[in-house]
Structure formats: structure tokens, C-alpha cells
N, C-alpha and C. Protein backbone atom coordinates (compact mmCIF):
# COMPACT_ATOMS: atom_id res chain seq x y z
N MET A 1 -5.23 -3.93 -8.81
CA MET A 1 -3.77 -4.42 -9.16
C MET A 1 -3.48 -5.16 -7.92
N ASN A 2 -2.80 -6.31 -8.12
CA ASN A 2 -2.25 -7.12 -6.98
C ASN A 2 -0.83 -7.58 -7.39
N THR A 3 -0.16 -7.78 -6.25
CA THR A 3 1.20 -8.36 -6.49
C THR A 3 1.55 -9.24 -5.36
N ASP A 4 2.52 -10.10 -5.58
CA ASP A 4 3.01 -10.99 -4.46
C ASP A 4 4.26 -10.33 -3.84
N GLN A 5 4.37 -10.46 -2.50
CA GLN A 5 5.49 -10.05 -1.75
C GLN A 5 5.63 -10.87 -0.50
N GLN A 6 6.57 -10.65 0.30
CA GLN A 6 6.74 -11.28 1.61
C GLN A 6 6.35 -10.41 2.91
N LEU A 7 5.69 -11.01 3.82
CA LEU A 7 5.33 -10.43 4.96
C LEU A 7 5.91 -11.20 6.18
N PHE A 8 6.49 -10.43 7.21
CA PHE A 8 7.15 -11.11 8.26
C PHE A 8 8.33 -11.94 7.84
N ASP A 9 8.84 -11.66 6.59
CA ASP A 9 10.01 -12.47 6.04
C ASP A 9 9.70 -13.92 5.83
N GLU A 10 8.43 -14.38 6.02
CA GLU A 10 8.14 -15.78 5.82
C GLU A 10 6.84 -15.93 5.11
N LEU A 11 5.87 -15.13 5.33
CA LEU A 11 4.61 -15.49 4.71
C LEU A 11 4.41 -14.85 3.26
N SER A 12 3.95 -15.51 2.33
CA SER A 12 3.59 -14.98 1.04
C SER A 12 2.38 -14.07 1.23
N VAL A 13 2.36 -12.98 0.67
CA VAL A 13 1.23 -12.00 0.88
C VAL A 13 0.83 -11.50 -0.43
N ARG A 14 -0.41 -11.30 -0.60
CA ARG A 14 -0.98 -10.70 -1.79
C ARG A 14 -1.33 -9.17 -1.45
N ARG A 15 -0.90 -8.21 -2.34
CA ARG A 15 -1.20 -6.82 -2.18
C ARG A 15 -2.16 -6.34 -3.23
N PHE A 16 -3.33 -5.75 -2.63
CA PHE A 16 -4.28 -5.17 -3.53
C PHE A 16 -4.29 -3.66 -3.32
N GLU A 17 -4.15 -2.95 -4.51
CA GLU A 17 -4.20 -1.56 -4.43
C GLU A 17 -5.45 -0.90 -4.84
N TYR A 18 -6.06 0.01 -4.07
CA TYR A 18 -7.33 0.68 -4.34
C TYR A 18 -7.09 2.16 -4.33
N ASP A 19 -8.04 2.95 -4.83
CA ASP A 19 -8.07 4.38 -4.80
C ASP A 19 -7.82 4.77 -3.40
N ASP A 20 -8.47 4.33 -2.34
CA ASP A 20 -8.53 4.79 -0.94
C ASP A 20 -7.44 4.19 -0.13
N GLY A 21 -6.69 3.11 -0.56
CA GLY A 21 -5.64 2.40 0.31
C GLY A 21 -5.20 1.15 -0.37
N VAL A 22 -4.60 0.40 0.50
CA VAL A 22 -3.98 -0.87 0.22
C VAL A 22 -4.50 -1.97 1.23
N VAL A 23 -4.77 -3.26 0.57
CA VAL A 23 -5.05 -4.30 1.40
C VAL A 23 -4.02 -5.41 1.20
N LEU A 24 -3.45 -5.86 2.40
CA LEU A 24 -2.51 -7.10 2.31
C LEU A 24 -3.17 -8.22 2.92
N ALA A 25 -3.06 -9.40 2.27
CA ALA A 25 -3.64 -10.61 2.70
C ALA A 25 -2.60 -11.74 2.64
N ALA A 26 -2.67 -12.60 3.73
CA ALA A 26 -1.75 -13.77 3.77
C ALA A 26 -2.45 -14.84 4.54
N ASP A 27 -2.30 -16.10 4.16
CA ASP A 27 -2.76 -17.27 4.77
C ASP A 27 -1.76 -17.64 5.96
N VAL A 28 -2.41 -17.43 7.18
CA VAL A 28 -1.63 -17.84 8.37
C VAL A 28 -2.05 -19.18 8.97
N GLY A 29 -2.99 -19.85 8.49
CA GLY A 29 -3.55 -21.07 8.96
C GLY A 29 -4.64 -20.81 10.11
N VAL A 30 -5.48 -21.82 10.18
CA VAL A 30 -6.48 -21.67 11.26
C VAL A 30 -5.97 -22.23 12.62
N SER A 31 -5.87 -21.37 13.66
CA SER A 31 -5.39 -21.72 14.94
C SER A 31 -6.05 -20.93 15.99
N ASP A 32 -6.46 -21.45 17.14
CA ASP A 32 -7.05 -20.67 18.14
C ASP A 32 -6.12 -19.81 18.90
N ASP A 33 -4.61 -20.13 18.75
CA ASP A 33 -3.68 -19.33 19.44
C ASP A 33 -2.86 -18.35 18.62
N THR A 34 -3.53 -17.90 17.41
CA THR A 34 -2.87 -16.76 16.59
C THR A 34 -3.69 -15.53 16.77
N SER A 35 -2.91 -14.45 16.99
CA SER A 35 -3.66 -13.28 17.13
C SER A 35 -2.77 -12.06 16.44
N VAL A 36 -3.44 -10.98 16.20
CA VAL A 36 -2.79 -9.79 15.39
C VAL A 36 -3.17 -8.55 15.98
N ASP A 37 -2.32 -7.58 15.93
CA ASP A 37 -2.67 -6.19 16.53
C ASP A 37 -1.65 -5.14 15.84
N VAL A 38 -2.20 -3.97 15.79
CA VAL A 38 -1.38 -2.93 15.19
C VAL A 38 -1.02 -1.97 16.36
N VAL A 39 0.30 -1.65 16.55
CA VAL A 39 0.71 -0.78 17.50
C VAL A 39 1.62 0.17 16.83
N ASP A 40 1.18 1.50 16.82
CA ASP A 40 1.84 2.65 16.08
C ASP A 40 1.86 2.26 14.68
N ASP A 41 3.05 2.18 14.16
CA ASP A 41 3.21 1.72 12.75
C ASP A 41 3.76 0.44 12.51
N THR A 42 3.30 -0.63 13.46
CA THR A 42 3.95 -1.95 13.39
C THR A 42 2.62 -2.98 13.44
N VAL A 43 2.65 -3.95 12.67
CA VAL A 43 1.79 -5.03 12.83
C VAL A 43 2.50 -6.19 13.62
N ILE A 44 1.82 -6.64 14.65
CA ILE A 44 2.53 -7.74 15.50
C ILE A 44 1.50 -8.96 15.44
N LEU A 45 2.15 -10.06 15.05
CA LEU A 45 1.39 -11.34 14.71
C LEU A 45 1.98 -12.20 15.84
N VAL A 46 1.11 -12.75 16.65
CA VAL A 46 1.55 -13.79 17.70
C VAL A 46 1.01 -15.14 17.22
N ALA A 47 1.78 -16.21 17.15
CA ALA A 47 1.28 -17.45 16.63
C ALA A 47 1.99 -18.62 17.52
N GLY A 48 1.27 -19.04 18.58
CA GLY A 48 1.78 -19.99 19.55
C GLY A 48 2.83 -19.25 20.35
N ASP A 49 4.09 -19.78 20.37
CA ASP A 49 5.08 -18.99 21.14
C ASP A 49 6.00 -18.00 20.25
N GLU A 50 5.53 -17.92 19.09
CA GLU A 50 6.34 -17.09 18.14
C GLU A 50 5.72 -15.78 18.10
N GLN A 51 6.58 -14.65 17.95
CA GLN A 51 6.00 -13.40 17.65
C GLN A 51 6.69 -12.81 16.49
N TYR A 52 6.01 -12.16 15.56
CA TYR A 52 6.49 -11.54 14.39
C TYR A 52 6.11 -10.11 14.32
N GLU A 53 7.01 -9.20 13.80
CA GLU A 53 6.61 -7.79 13.65
C GLU A 53 6.92 -7.35 12.29
N GLN A 54 6.11 -6.43 11.82
CA GLN A 54 6.18 -6.04 10.40
C GLN A 54 5.99 -4.55 10.41
N PRO A 55 6.98 -3.65 10.21
CA PRO A 55 6.77 -2.18 10.17
C PRO A 55 5.80 -1.81 8.93
N LEU A 56 5.05 -0.78 9.12
CA LEU A 56 4.13 -0.46 8.14
C LEU A 56 4.44 1.16 7.68
N PRO A 57 4.03 1.50 6.59
CA PRO A 57 4.23 2.88 6.15
C PRO A 57 3.53 3.87 7.10
N ASP A 58 4.03 4.95 7.65
CA ASP A 58 3.34 5.75 8.67
C ASP A 58 2.50 6.90 7.97
N ASP A 59 2.09 6.74 6.75
CA ASP A 59 1.33 7.77 6.10
C ASP A 59 -0.19 7.45 6.02
N GLY A 60 -0.66 6.63 6.97
CA GLY A 60 -2.10 6.44 6.87
C GLY A 60 -2.60 5.74 8.15
N ASP A 61 -3.80 5.25 8.16
CA ASP A 61 -4.37 4.29 9.26
C ASP A 61 -4.21 2.98 8.97
N ALA A 62 -3.99 2.08 9.86
CA ALA A 62 -3.88 0.56 9.65
C ALA A 62 -4.81 -0.18 10.53
N ARG A 63 -5.40 -1.16 10.01
CA ARG A 63 -6.20 -2.12 10.78
C ARG A 63 -5.85 -3.51 10.34
N ALA A 64 -5.78 -4.49 11.28
CA ALA A 64 -5.40 -5.83 11.07
C ALA A 64 -6.37 -6.77 11.73
N PHE A 65 -6.72 -7.93 11.09
CA PHE A 65 -7.50 -8.86 11.75
C PHE A 65 -7.28 -10.25 10.98
N ILE A 66 -7.63 -11.31 11.68
CA ILE A 66 -7.66 -12.63 11.11
C ILE A 66 -9.05 -13.30 11.17
N ASN A 67 -9.36 -13.78 9.87
CA ASN A 67 -10.70 -14.40 9.69
C ASN A 67 -10.52 -15.77 8.93
N ASN A 68 -10.79 -16.82 9.55
CA ASN A 68 -10.69 -18.09 8.88
C ASN A 68 -9.27 -18.35 8.43
N GLY A 69 -8.25 -17.95 9.29
CA GLY A 69 -6.97 -18.22 8.85
C GLY A 69 -6.22 -17.29 7.85
N VAL A 70 -6.98 -16.22 7.50
CA VAL A 70 -6.47 -15.22 6.53
C VAL A 70 -6.15 -13.98 7.30
N LEU A 71 -4.97 -13.65 7.30
CA LEU A 71 -4.48 -12.32 7.82
C LEU A 71 -4.79 -11.16 6.96
N THR A 72 -5.53 -10.14 7.33
CA THR A 72 -5.85 -8.84 6.39
C THR A 72 -5.44 -7.82 7.10
N ILE A 73 -4.60 -7.01 6.34
CA ILE A 73 -4.11 -5.68 6.85
C ILE A 73 -4.67 -4.61 5.87
N GLU A 74 -5.49 -3.65 6.45
CA GLU A 74 -5.96 -2.73 5.55
C GLU A 74 -5.26 -1.35 5.89
N LEU A 75 -4.57 -0.80 5.00
CA LEU A 75 -3.88 0.47 5.13
C LEU A 75 -4.77 1.53 4.33
N SER A 76 -5.34 2.48 5.13
CA SER A 76 -6.08 3.59 4.48
C SER A 76 -5.27 4.80 4.51
N GLU A 77 -5.33 5.52 3.24
CA GLU A 77 -4.58 6.76 3.17
C GLU A 77 -5.29 7.82 3.94
N GLU A 78 -4.36 8.73 4.59
CA GLU A 78 -5.06 9.77 5.27
C GLU A 78 -5.64 10.83 4.30
N GLU A 79 -6.82 11.27 4.83
CA GLU A 79 -7.42 12.28 4.02
C GLU A 79 -6.90 13.57 4.31
N GLU A 80 -6.68 14.46 3.24
CA GLU A 80 -6.19 15.86 3.49
C GLU A 80 -7.32 16.71 3.54
N HIS A 81 -7.19 17.67 4.48
CA HIS A 81 -8.39 18.63 4.75
C HIS A 81 -7.91 19.97 4.41
């Protein structure tokens, strides 16, 4: 299942839900000065002189990366033991 929503209040993002987690994907454009990182439960996107922050649900692990101008945020559900 996928849905459209907003990320960083500006980017249109697609949401893909799977059995083991959620993937968010947004086109941020190709640029050498764009980076992304996850700190605690927040995704931080830096593009040029601008910085954007997006809180994430704190019920799992998150990983973010940019490849060919596409920002991907993978949210994995925590496994119960």
C-alpha cells in the first residue's frame, strides 16, 4: 500500500507499508551539497544553507539515505522477544 503525504512540510513523499516496516521516499533533487542523517527520532535533511527536521515515530529503528536525488527513510518495527 502506498499513500501520498508531506515531509518536512514541503516535499511530497510516498509511503510504502510492508509487514516489517514502512518506507518513505521523496524526490529532493540531485545535488552535491544535500545530506541526511537520523538523530534519535528525527530525520535531519541539509540542503545548501537550509536545514529541515522531521520527527519520526519512536517505536522502531530508522535509516535514511539519498541516492540519485531520492531521499529514502526506512522505518523498521522493533522485534518483540
